C-alpha cells in the first residue's frame, strides 16, 4: 500500500514538471524568426515559380489568365522556339568563355596564393599588395582601356577578347580567398612534408591542394557564375552574332520577342539550368568553403 502511495505521489509530482517543461519549450520558440523565414522563402520562391509556369504557357494563355495561375494547357513550344533560334551556339560560346576563364584563374590564383603564404621577401609582399589593389578597381571603370588594349592586340570580336579580361578581374579576389585558406593549414604539415624530402612544388599539389579543395570549389563557382552572367565585356568587345553569349543572346531574344514574354522566360530557364546543375554537383564543397572558420 505504501509503495502504491509513493508511486502515485511521484507521478503527481512529475506531472507538473513535465507540463512546466512543455510550457518553457513553447516560450523558447522564435515565432518572429520563423515567420520572417517563411516570408523570405516566399520572396525567393514566387519569382522562380512565376518564371517556370509562364515559360510553359502560350502567349494567349499568358494574357488570358492570372499570371500566378498554373497553365491550363502546358506546352513546350516556347522552349522549342528558343532552341531553334541558335541557342546551342550561344550556349557553346558561354561554356567556352566560362571554362577558358575559370580554369586559368584557379591555376594562377592557387599558385600565387601558395607563394604569398609560404614565401618571404619584399617582392611577394608587393605582389600581394598589387592583388589587393586590384580589388578596388571595378570593371566598369576600365572598360575603355580594356577596349583599346584588345584593339591593339588584334583580338577584337573574338572569344579570347572576353576570356583574358575575365581572368584578369577574377584573379585578385581568388588570390585573397585562397591565401586565407592556405594560411589555415597547420605549419607542422608543411614541415613534415619538407622533412620527407618533398619540394615546394610537391607540397603545393600533394598537401595544399587537397586541404583547400572547398575553397577552390567556392572560387570556381563564384567566378563561373560571374563569367557566365557577364554582359558588359561581350557587349563591348564583340559584335558578330556568331560570338554572342547567353546574356547577350537573352537581350536579343527580349527584343525579338518583346511581346512574347513566355518565350523570353523560357530562355531565362534554359540559361539558368547549367548554374543550377553546377551548384547541385558542388554544393557540399561550396558549403564547406563558405562556412570555414565559423567553428573556430
C-alpha atoms as a PDB file:
ATOM      1  CA  UNK A   1       0.000   0.000   0.000  1.00  0.00           C
ATOM      2  CA  UNK A   2       2.859   2.307   0.856  1.00  0.00           C
ATOM      3  CA  UNK A   3       4.591   1.595  -2.471  1.00  0.00           C
ATOM      4  CA  UNK A   4       1.399   2.431  -4.360  1.00  0.00           C
ATOM      5  CA  UNK A   5       1.084   5.710  -2.497  1.00  0.00           C
ATOM      6  CA  UNK A   6       4.714   6.617  -3.235  1.00  0.00           C
ATOM      7  CA  UNK A   7       4.292   5.823  -6.940  1.00  0.00           C
ATOM      8  CA  UNK A   8       1.132   7.954  -7.091  1.00  0.00           C
ATOM      9  CA  UNK A   9       2.828  10.849  -5.359  1.00  0.00           C
ATOM     10  CA  UNK A  10       5.825  10.549  -7.684  1.00  0.00           C
ATOM     11  CA  UNK A  11       3.542  10.626 -10.741  1.00  0.00           C
ATOM     12  CA  UNK A  12       1.702  13.653  -9.399  1.00  0.00           C
ATOM     13  CA  UNK A  13       4.989  15.362  -8.627  1.00  0.00           C
ATOM     14  CA  UNK A  14       6.490  14.736 -12.042  1.00  0.00           C
ATOM     15  CA  UNK A  15       3.375  15.694 -13.994  1.00  0.00           C
ATOM     16  CA  UNK A  16       3.621  19.433 -13.231  1.00  0.00           C
ATOM     17  CA  UNK A  17       7.329  19.280 -14.004  1.00  0.00           C
ATOM     18  CA  UNK A  18       6.693  17.851 -17.490  1.00  0.00           C
ATOM     19  CA  UNK A  19       3.967  20.395 -18.098  1.00  0.00           C
ATOM     20  CA  UNK A  20       6.271  23.203 -16.997  1.00  0.00           C
ATOM     21  CA  UNK A  21       8.968  21.959 -19.333  1.00  0.00           C
ATOM     22  CA  UNK A  22       6.466  21.897 -22.190  1.00  0.00           C
ATOM     23  CA  UNK A  23       5.394  25.470 -21.489  1.00  0.00           C
ATOM     24  CA  UNK A  24       9.039  26.503 -21.182  1.00  0.00           C
ATOM     25  CA  UNK A  25       9.745  24.901 -24.585  1.00  0.00           C
ATOM     26  CA  UNK A  26       6.869  26.812 -26.166  1.00  0.00           C
ATOM     27  CA  UNK A  27       8.206  30.055 -24.742  1.00  0.00           C
ATOM     28  CA  UNK A  28      11.568  29.322 -26.375  1.00  0.00           C
ATOM     29  CA  UNK A  29      10.054  29.148 -29.873  1.00  0.00           C
ATOM     30  CA  UNK A  30      11.233  32.044 -32.027  1.00  0.00           C
ATOM     31  CA  UNK A  31       7.941  32.851 -33.710  1.00  0.00           C
ATOM     32  CA  UNK A  32       9.077  36.158 -35.275  1.00  0.00           C
ATOM     33  CA  UNK A  33      12.180  34.459 -36.670  1.00  0.00           C
ATOM     34  CA  UNK A  34      10.140  31.589 -38.097  1.00  0.00           C
ATOM     35  CA  UNK A  35       7.634  33.982 -39.653  1.00  0.00           C
ATOM     36  CA  UNK A  36      10.442  36.039 -41.183  1.00  0.00           C
ATOM     37  CA  UNK A  37      11.964  32.844 -42.592  1.00  0.00           C
ATOM     38  CA  UNK A  38       8.694  31.856 -44.278  1.00  0.00           C
ATOM     39  CA  UNK A  39       8.298  35.363 -45.697  1.00  0.00           C
ATOM     40  CA  UNK A  40      11.836  35.275 -47.101  1.00  0.00           C
ATOM     41  CA  UNK A  41      11.172  31.836 -48.601  1.00  0.00           C
ATOM     42  CA  UNK A  42       8.069  33.200 -50.333  1.00  0.00           C
ATOM     43  CA  UNK A  43      10.054  36.165 -51.679  1.00  0.00           C
ATOM     44  CA  UNK A  44      12.538  33.741 -53.260  1.00  0.00           C
ATOM     45  CA  UNK A  45      10.132  31.036 -54.436  1.00  0.00           C
ATOM     46  CA  UNK A  46       7.397  33.179 -56.003  1.00  0.00           C
ATOM     47  CA  UNK A  47       9.596  34.728 -58.762  1.00  0.00           C
ATOM     48  CA  UNK A  48      11.046  31.295 -59.617  1.00  0.00           C
ATOM     49  CA  UNK A  49       7.541  29.819 -59.714  1.00  0.00           C
ATOM     50  CA  UNK A  50       6.352  32.677 -61.931  1.00  0.00           C
ATOM     51  CA  UNK A  51       9.218  32.232 -64.422  1.00  0.00           C
ATOM     52  CA  UNK A  52       8.764  28.459 -64.708  1.00  0.00           C
ATOM     53  CA  UNK A  53       4.963  28.406 -65.110  1.00  0.00           C
ATOM     54  CA  UNK A  54       4.995  31.354 -67.514  1.00  0.00           C
ATOM     55  CA  UNK A  55       7.524  29.606 -69.748  1.00  0.00           C
ATOM     56  CA  UNK A  56       5.017  26.737 -70.064  1.00  0.00           C
ATOM     57  CA  UNK A  57       2.149  28.985 -71.190  1.00  0.00           C
ATOM     58  CA  UNK A  58       1.140  30.078 -74.642  1.00  0.00           C
ATOM     59  CA  UNK A  59       1.122  33.759 -75.437  1.00  0.00           C
ATOM     60  CA  UNK A  60      -2.690  33.798 -75.411  1.00  0.00           C
ATOM     61  CA  UNK A  61      -2.749  31.855 -72.147  1.00  0.00           C
ATOM     62  CA  UNK A  62      -0.367  34.324 -70.524  1.00  0.00           C
ATOM     63  CA  UNK A  63      -2.563  37.335 -71.290  1.00  0.00           C
ATOM     64  CA  UNK A  64      -5.839  35.477 -70.721  1.00  0.00           C
ATOM     65  CA  UNK A  65      -5.412  34.293 -67.123  1.00  0.00           C
ATOM     66  CA  UNK A  66      -3.923  35.191 -63.757  1.00  0.00           C
ATOM     67  CA  UNK A  67      -0.114  35.498 -64.102  1.00  0.00           C
ATOM     68  CA  UNK A  68       0.428  33.333 -60.996  1.00  0.00           C
ATOM     69  CA  UNK A  69      -2.082  30.664 -62.020  1.00  0.00           C
ATOM     70  CA  UNK A  70      -0.636  27.411 -63.411  1.00  0.00           C
ATOM     71  CA  UNK A  71      -1.082  26.897 -67.160  1.00  0.00           C
ATOM     72  CA  UNK A  72      -4.342  25.254 -68.194  1.00  0.00           C
ATOM     73  CA  UNK A  73      -2.614  23.566 -71.134  1.00  0.00           C
ATOM     74  CA  UNK A  74       1.159  23.354 -70.501  1.00  0.00           C
ATOM     75  CA  UNK A  75       3.260  23.484 -73.639  1.00  0.00           C
ATOM     76  CA  UNK A  76       6.943  23.321 -74.553  1.00  0.00           C
ATOM     77  CA  UNK A  77       6.617  25.360 -77.732  1.00  0.00           C
ATOM     78  CA  UNK A  78       8.445  28.290 -76.161  1.00  0.00           C
ATOM     79  CA  UNK A  79      11.473  26.108 -75.434  1.00  0.00           C
ATOM     80  CA  UNK A  80      11.380  24.743 -78.970  1.00  0.00           C
ATOM     81  CA  UNK A  81      11.249  28.294 -80.314  1.00  0.00           C
ATOM     82  CA  UNK A  82      14.277  29.332 -78.262  1.00  0.00           C
ATOM     83  CA  UNK A  83      16.300  26.240 -79.174  1.00  0.00           C
ATOM     84  CA  UNK A  84      15.597  26.811 -82.854  1.00  0.00           C
ATOM     85  CA  UNK A  85      16.862  30.403 -82.576  1.00  0.00           C
ATOM     86  CA  UNK A  86      20.537  29.290 -82.493  1.00  0.00           C
ATOM     87  CA  UNK A  87      20.515  28.846 -78.733  1.00  0.00           C
ATOM     88  CA  UNK A  88      23.040  25.986 -78.909  1.00  0.00           C
ATOM     89  CA  UNK A  89      25.687  28.283 -80.446  1.00  0.00           C
ATOM     90  CA  UNK A  90      25.201  30.888 -77.711  1.00  0.00           C
ATOM     91  CA  UNK A  91      25.369  28.179 -75.056  1.00  0.00           C
ATOM     92  CA  UNK A  92      28.623  26.823 -76.514  1.00  0.00           C
ATOM     93  CA  UNK A  93      30.159  30.302 -76.599  1.00  0.00           C
ATOM     94  CA  UNK A  94      29.285  30.869 -72.944  1.00  0.00           C
ATOM     95  CA  UNK A  95      30.664  27.461 -71.977  1.00  0.00           C
ATOM     96  CA  UNK A  96      33.949  28.087 -73.799  1.00  0.00           C
ATOM     97  CA  UNK A  97      34.389  31.510 -72.212  1.00  0.00           C
ATOM     98  CA  UNK A  98      33.482  30.285 -68.720  1.00  0.00           C
ATOM     99  CA  UNK A  99      35.807  27.268 -68.798  1.00  0.00           C
ATOM    100  CA  UNK A 100      38.552  29.238 -70.538  1.00  0.00           C
ATOM    101  CA  UNK A 101      38.410  31.935 -67.845  1.00  0.00           C
ATOM    102  CA  UNK A 102      37.823  29.866 -64.692  1.00  0.00           C
ATOM    103  CA  UNK A 103      40.470  27.156 -65.203  1.00  0.00           C
ATOM    104  CA  UNK A 104      43.442  29.544 -65.743  1.00  0.00           C
ATOM    105  CA  UNK A 105      42.159  31.758 -62.929  1.00  0.00           C
ATOM    106  CA  UNK A 106      42.174  28.842 -60.478  1.00  0.00           C
ATOM    107  CA  UNK A 107      45.627  27.668 -61.562  1.00  0.00           C
ATOM    108  CA  UNK A 108      47.276  31.093 -61.386  1.00  0.00           C
ATOM    109  CA  UNK A 109      45.469  32.171 -58.213  1.00  0.00           C
ATOM    110  CA  UNK A 110      46.230  28.956 -56.338  1.00  0.00           C
ATOM    111  CA  UNK A 111      49.947  29.032 -57.140  1.00  0.00           C
ATOM    112  CA  UNK A 112      50.158  32.761 -56.380  1.00  0.00           C
ATOM    113  CA  UNK A 113      48.369  32.307 -53.060  1.00  0.00           C
ATOM    114  CA  UNK A 114      50.705  29.467 -52.085  1.00  0.00           C
ATOM    115  CA  UNK A 115      53.771  31.561 -52.957  1.00  0.00           C
ATOM    116  CA  UNK A 116      52.469  34.544 -50.980  1.00  0.00           C
ATOM    117  CA  UNK A 117      51.715  32.464 -47.873  1.00  0.00           C
ATOM    118  CA  UNK A 118      54.813  30.236 -47.898  1.00  0.00           C
ATOM    119  CA  UNK A 119      57.327  32.687 -49.360  1.00  0.00           C
ATOM    120  CA  UNK A 120      59.214  35.605 -47.872  1.00  0.00           C
ATOM    121  CA  UNK A 121      60.617  38.809 -49.261  1.00  0.00           C
ATOM    122  CA  UNK A 122      59.569  42.225 -50.423  1.00  0.00           C
ATOM    123  CA  UNK A 123      58.707  41.045 -53.905  1.00  0.00           C
ATOM    124  CA  UNK A 124      55.982  38.645 -52.718  1.00  0.00           C
ATOM    125  CA  UNK A 125      54.628  41.246 -50.287  1.00  0.00           C
ATOM    126  CA  UNK A 126      54.483  43.704 -53.160  1.00  0.00           C
ATOM    127  CA  UNK A 127      52.669  41.157 -55.323  1.00  0.00           C
ATOM    128  CA  UNK A 128      50.163  40.608 -52.524  1.00  0.00           C
ATOM    129  CA  UNK A 129      49.504  44.346 -52.267  1.00  0.00           C
ATOM    130  CA  UNK A 130      49.162  44.507 -56.042  1.00  0.00           C
ATOM    131  CA  UNK A 131      46.438  41.868 -55.936  1.00  0.00           C
ATOM    132  CA  UNK A 132      44.681  43.706 -53.101  1.00  0.00           C
ATOM    133  CA  UNK A 133      44.757  46.924 -55.133  1.00  0.00           C
ATOM    134  CA  UNK A 134      43.059  45.037 -57.963  1.00  0.00           C
ATOM    135  CA  UNK A 135      40.009  44.560 -55.735  1.00  0.00           C
ATOM    136  CA  UNK A 136      39.470  48.318 -55.658  1.00  0.00           C
ATOM    137  CA  UNK A 137      39.250  48.700 -59.455  1.00  0.00           C
ATOM    138  CA  UNK A 138      35.781  47.959 -60.885  1.00  0.00           C
ATOM    139  CA  UNK A 139      35.377  46.573 -64.368  1.00  0.00           C
ATOM    140  CA  UNK A 140      33.171  49.455 -65.454  1.00  0.00           C
ATOM    141  CA  UNK A 141      35.935  51.972 -64.723  1.00  0.00           C
ATOM    142  CA  UNK A 142      38.413  50.214 -67.011  1.00  0.00           C
ATOM    143  CA  UNK A 143      36.234  49.184 -69.916  1.00  0.00           C
ATOM    144  CA  UNK A 144      37.666  51.858 -72.268  1.00  0.00           C
ATOM    145  CA  UNK A 145      41.346  50.971 -71.579  1.00  0.00           C
ATOM    146  CA  UNK A 146      40.471  47.288 -71.905  1.00  0.00           C
ATOM    147  CA  UNK A 147      38.777  48.002 -75.228  1.00  0.00           C
ATOM    148  CA  UNK A 148      41.846  49.891 -76.515  1.00  0.00           C
ATOM    149  CA  UNK A 149      44.208  47.096 -75.394  1.00  0.00           C
ATOM    150  CA  UNK A 150      42.098  44.469 -77.120  1.00  0.00           C
ATOM    151  CA  UNK A 151      42.098  46.554 -80.309  1.00  0.00           C
ATOM    152  CA  UNK A 152      45.908  46.933 -80.166  1.00  0.00           C
ATOM    153  CA  UNK A 153      46.285  43.159 -79.693  1.00  0.00           C
ATOM    154  CA  UNK A 154      44.018  42.493 -82.701  1.00  0.00           C
ATOM    155  CA  UNK A 155      41.724  40.378 -80.540  1.00  0.00           C
ATOM    156  CA  UNK A 156      38.548  42.361 -81.030  1.00  0.00           C
ATOM    157  CA  UNK A 157      35.462  40.337 -81.906  1.00  0.00           C
ATOM    158  CA  UNK A 158      36.819  37.053 -80.610  1.00  0.00           C
ATOM    159  CA  UNK A 159      36.116  34.839 -77.616  1.00  0.00           C
ATOM    160  CA  UNK A 160      39.666  35.393 -76.382  1.00  0.00           C
ATOM    161  CA  UNK A 161      38.864  39.095 -76.065  1.00  0.00           C
ATOM    162  CA  UNK A 162      36.350  38.181 -73.352  1.00  0.00           C
ATOM    163  CA  UNK A 163      38.407  35.433 -71.695  1.00  0.00           C
ATOM    164  CA  UNK A 164      41.560  37.468 -70.996  1.00  0.00           C
ATOM    165  CA  UNK A 165      39.902  40.420 -69.174  1.00  0.00           C
ATOM    166  CA  UNK A 166      37.687  37.971 -67.261  1.00  0.00           C
ATOM    167  CA  UNK A 167      40.801  36.200 -65.966  1.00  0.00           C
ATOM    168  CA  UNK A 168      42.459  39.488 -65.015  1.00  0.00           C
ATOM    169  CA  UNK A 169      39.492  40.730 -62.993  1.00  0.00           C
ATOM    170  CA  UNK A 170      38.873  37.362 -61.292  1.00  0.00           C
ATOM    171  CA  UNK A 171      42.420  36.761 -60.037  1.00  0.00           C
ATOM    172  CA  UNK A 172      42.634  39.363 -57.183  1.00  0.00           C
ATOM    173  CA  UNK A 173      39.645  38.096 -55.202  1.00  0.00           C
ATOM    174  CA  UNK A 174      40.580  34.474 -55.913  1.00  0.00           C
ATOM    175  CA  UNK A 175      44.100  35.006 -54.545  1.00  0.00           C
ATOM    176  CA  UNK A 176      42.712  36.676 -51.422  1.00  0.00           C
ATOM    177  CA  UNK A 177      40.311  33.811 -50.670  1.00  0.00           C
ATOM    178  CA  UNK A 178      42.773  31.012 -51.423  1.00  0.00           C
ATOM    179  CA  UNK A 179      45.630  32.606 -49.469  1.00  0.00           C
ATOM    180  CA  UNK A 180      43.430  32.847 -46.376  1.00  0.00           C
ATOM    181  CA  UNK A 181      42.604  29.151 -46.665  1.00  0.00           C
ATOM    182  CA  UNK A 182      46.242  28.149 -47.149  1.00  0.00           C
ATOM    183  CA  UNK A 183      47.182  30.130 -44.017  1.00  0.00           C
ATOM    184  CA  UNK A 184      44.780  27.928 -42.044  1.00  0.00           C
ATOM    185  CA  UNK A 185      46.769  24.799 -42.940  1.00  0.00           C
ATOM    186  CA  UNK A 186      48.954  23.917 -39.902  1.00  0.00           C
ATOM    187  CA  UNK A 187      52.597  24.752 -40.438  1.00  0.00           C
ATOM    188  CA  UNK A 188      53.567  21.373 -38.942  1.00  0.00           C
ATOM    189  CA  UNK A 189      52.164  19.656 -42.025  1.00  0.00           C
ATOM    190  CA  UNK A 190      54.371  21.735 -44.307  1.00  0.00           C
ATOM    191  CA  UNK A 191      57.405  20.988 -42.135  1.00  0.00           C
ATOM    192  CA  UNK A 192      56.586  17.278 -42.195  1.00  0.00           C
ATOM    193  CA  UNK A 193      56.445  17.323 -45.987  1.00  0.00           C
ATOM    194  CA  UNK A 194      59.769  19.165 -46.108  1.00  0.00           C
ATOM    195  CA  UNK A 195      61.419  16.635 -43.784  1.00  0.00           C
ATOM    196  CA  UNK A 196      60.150  13.843 -46.030  1.00  0.00           C
ATOM    197  CA  UNK A 197      62.127  15.372 -48.867  1.00  0.00           C
ATOM    198  CA  UNK A 198      59.246  16.931 -50.792  1.00  0.00           C
ATOM    199  CA  UNK A 199      59.903  20.046 -52.822  1.00  0.00           C
ATOM    200  CA  UNK A 200      57.702  23.129 -52.664  1.00  0.00           C
ATOM    201  CA  UNK A 201      56.081  22.058 -55.919  1.00  0.00           C
ATOM    202  CA  UNK A 202      55.199  18.634 -54.477  1.00  0.00           C
ATOM    203  CA  UNK A 203      53.940  20.233 -51.284  1.00  0.00           C
ATOM    204  CA  UNK A 204      51.755  22.527 -53.352  1.00  0.00           C
ATOM    205  CA  UNK A 205      49.941  19.707 -55.180  1.00  0.00           C
ATOM    206  CA  UNK A 206      50.054  16.924 -52.576  1.00  0.00           C
ATOM    207  CA  UNK A 207      49.237  18.884 -49.415  1.00  0.00           C
ATOM    208  CA  UNK A 208      47.866  22.348 -50.089  1.00  0.00           C
ATOM    209  CA  UNK A 209      45.599  21.362 -52.974  1.00  0.00           C
ATOM    210  CA  UNK A 210      43.637  18.578 -51.194  1.00  0.00           C
ATOM    211  CA  UNK A 211      43.242  20.620 -47.989  1.00  0.00           C
ATOM    212  CA  UNK A 212      41.969  23.714 -49.805  1.00  0.00           C
ATOM    213  CA  UNK A 213      39.572  21.896 -52.145  1.00  0.00           C
ATOM    214  CA  UNK A 214      36.438  23.525 -50.578  1.00  0.00           C
ATOM    215  CA  UNK A 215      37.923  26.964 -51.193  1.00  0.00           C
ATOM    216  CA  UNK A 216      38.833  26.069 -54.776  1.00  0.00           C
ATOM    217  CA  UNK A 217      35.301  24.853 -55.492  1.00  0.00           C
ATOM    218  CA  UNK A 218      33.861  28.000 -53.902  1.00  0.00           C
ATOM    219  CA  UNK A 219      36.096  30.255 -56.017  1.00  0.00           C
ATOM    220  CA  UNK A 220      35.327  28.225 -59.151  1.00  0.00           C
ATOM    221  CA  UNK A 221      31.560  28.520 -58.692  1.00  0.00           C
ATOM    222  CA  UNK A 222      31.749  32.214 -57.803  1.00  0.00           C
ATOM    223  CA  UNK A 223      33.922  33.091 -60.798  1.00  0.00           C
ATOM    224  CA  UNK A 224      31.987  30.788 -63.104  1.00  0.00           C
ATOM    225  CA  UNK A 225      28.756  32.474 -62.152  1.00  0.00           C
ATOM    226  CA  UNK A 226      30.245  35.900 -62.779  1.00  0.00           C
ATOM    227  CA  UNK A 227      31.640  34.994 -66.194  1.00  0.00           C
ATOM    228  CA  UNK A 228      28.517  33.070 -67.235  1.00  0.00           C
ATOM    229  CA  UNK A 229      26.298  36.058 -66.452  1.00  0.00           C
ATOM    230  CA  UNK A 230      28.760  38.624 -67.807  1.00  0.00           C
ATOM    231  CA  UNK A 231      27.156  41.186 -70.105  1.00  0.00           C
ATOM    232  CA  UNK A 232      29.426  44.232 -70.378  1.00  0.00           C
ATOM    233  CA  UNK A 233      32.541  42.583 -71.835  1.00  0.00           C
ATOM    234  CA  UNK A 234      30.674  40.625 -74.553  1.00  0.00           C
ATOM    235  CA  UNK A 235      28.674  43.732 -75.429  1.00  0.00           C
ATOM    236  CA  UNK A 236      31.745  45.967 -75.857  1.00  0.00           C
ATOM    237  CA  UNK A 237      34.347  43.513 -77.162  1.00  0.00           C
ATOM    238  CA  UNK A 238      32.303  41.525 -79.705  1.00  0.00           C
ATOM    239  CA  UNK A 239      29.888  42.367 -82.470  1.00  0.00           C
ATOM    240  CA  UNK A 240      29.397  39.226 -84.575  1.00  0.00           C
ATOM    241  CA  UNK A 241      26.106  37.370 -84.000  1.00  0.00           C
ATOM    242  CA  UNK A 242      28.032  34.074 -84.037  1.00  0.00           C
ATOM    243  CA  UNK A 243      30.023  35.159 -80.958  1.00  0.00           C
ATOM    244  CA  UNK A 244      27.097  36.129 -78.749  1.00  0.00           C
ATOM    245  CA  UNK A 245      26.961  34.635 -75.282  1.00  0.00           C
ATOM    246  CA  UNK A 246      23.797  33.734 -73.392  1.00  0.00           C
ATOM    247  CA  UNK A 247      23.247  37.036 -71.517  1.00  0.00           C
ATOM    248  CA  UNK A 248      23.679  38.975 -74.755  1.00  0.00           C
ATOM    249  CA  UNK A 249      21.503  36.486 -76.615  1.00  0.00           C
ATOM    250  CA  UNK A 250      18.840  36.848 -73.930  1.00  0.00           C
ATOM    251  CA  UNK A 251      18.842  40.583 -74.522  1.00  0.00           C
ATOM    252  CA  UNK A 252      18.421  39.881 -78.232  1.00  0.00           C
ATOM    253  CA  UNK A 253      15.552  37.486 -77.547  1.00  0.00           C
ATOM    254  CA  UNK A 254      13.908  40.124 -75.436  1.00  0.00           C
ATOM    255  CA  UNK A 255      13.986  42.495 -78.362  1.00  0.00           C
ATOM    256  CA  UNK A 256      12.832  39.879 -80.812  1.00  0.00           C
ATOM    257  CA  UNK A 257      10.041  38.591 -78.572  1.00  0.00           C
ATOM    258  CA  UNK A 258       9.138  41.890 -76.979  1.00  0.00           C
ATOM    259  CA  UNK A 259       5.503  40.778 -76.615  1.00  0.00           C
ATOM    260  CA  UNK A 260       6.038  37.035 -76.338  1.00  0.00           C
ATOM    261  CA  UNK A 261       7.022  37.025 -72.662  1.00  0.00           C
ATOM    262  CA  UNK A 262       6.740  33.214 -72.253  1.00  0.00           C
ATOM    263  CA  UNK A 263       9.481  32.744 -74.881  1.00  0.00           C
ATOM    264  CA  UNK A 264      11.770  35.197 -73.078  1.00  0.00           C
ATOM    265  CA  UNK A 265      11.266  33.408 -69.770  1.00  0.00           C
ATOM    266  CA  UNK A 266      11.872  30.047 -71.437  1.00  0.00           C
ATOM    267  CA  UNK A 267      15.259  31.404 -72.490  1.00  0.00           C
ATOM    268  CA  UNK A 268      15.861  32.502 -68.878  1.00  0.00           C
ATOM    269  CA  UNK A 269      15.124  28.984 -67.615  1.00  0.00           C
ATOM    270  CA  UNK A 270      17.498  27.395 -70.135  1.00  0.00           C
ATOM    271  CA  UNK A 271      20.205  29.902 -69.240  1.00  0.00           C
ATOM    272  CA  UNK A 272      19.860  29.156 -65.517  1.00  0.00           C
ATOM    273  CA  UNK A 273      19.943  25.348 -65.766  1.00  0.00           C
ATOM    274  CA  UNK A 274      23.772  24.975 -66.107  1.00  0.00           C
ATOM    275  CA  UNK A 275      24.360  27.091 -62.993  1.00  0.00           C
ATOM    276  CA  UNK A 276      21.791  25.012 -61.093  1.00  0.00           C
ATOM    277  CA  UNK A 277      23.481  21.770 -62.157  1.00  0.00           C
ATOM    278  CA  UNK A 278      26.883  23.161 -61.161  1.00  0.00           C
ATOM    279  CA  UNK A 279      25.529  24.091 -57.731  1.00  0.00           C
ATOM    280  CA  UNK A 280      23.989  20.653 -57.197  1.00  0.00           C
ATOM    281  CA  UNK A 281      27.297  18.969 -58.054  1.00  0.00           C
ATOM    282  CA  UNK A 282      29.466  21.170 -55.832  1.00  0.00           C
ATOM    283  CA  UNK A 283      27.057  22.199 -53.083  1.00  0.00           C
ATOM    284  CA  UNK A 284      28.846  20.273 -50.315  1.00  0.00           C
ATOM    285  CA  UNK A 285      32.254  21.712 -51.140  1.00  0.00           C
ATOM    286  CA  UNK A 286      30.682  25.135 -51.607  1.00  0.00           C
ATOM    287  CA  UNK A 287      29.010  24.988 -48.175  1.00  0.00           C
ATOM    288  CA  UNK A 288      32.249  23.828 -46.578  1.00  0.00           C
ATOM    289  CA  UNK A 289      34.112  26.707 -48.195  1.00  0.00           C
ATOM    290  CA  UNK A 290      31.546  29.332 -47.183  1.00  0.00           C
ATOM    291  CA  UNK A 291      31.322  28.159 -43.555  1.00  0.00           C
ATOM    292  CA  UNK A 292      35.033  27.512 -42.986  1.00  0.00           C
ATOM    293  CA  UNK A 293      36.274  29.328 -39.921  1.00  0.00           C
ATOM    294  CA  UNK A 294      32.920  29.794 -38.185  1.00  0.00           C
ATOM    295  CA  UNK A 295      33.606  26.873 -35.823  1.00  0.00           C
ATOM    296  CA  UNK A 296      36.968  28.269 -34.676  1.00  0.00           C
END
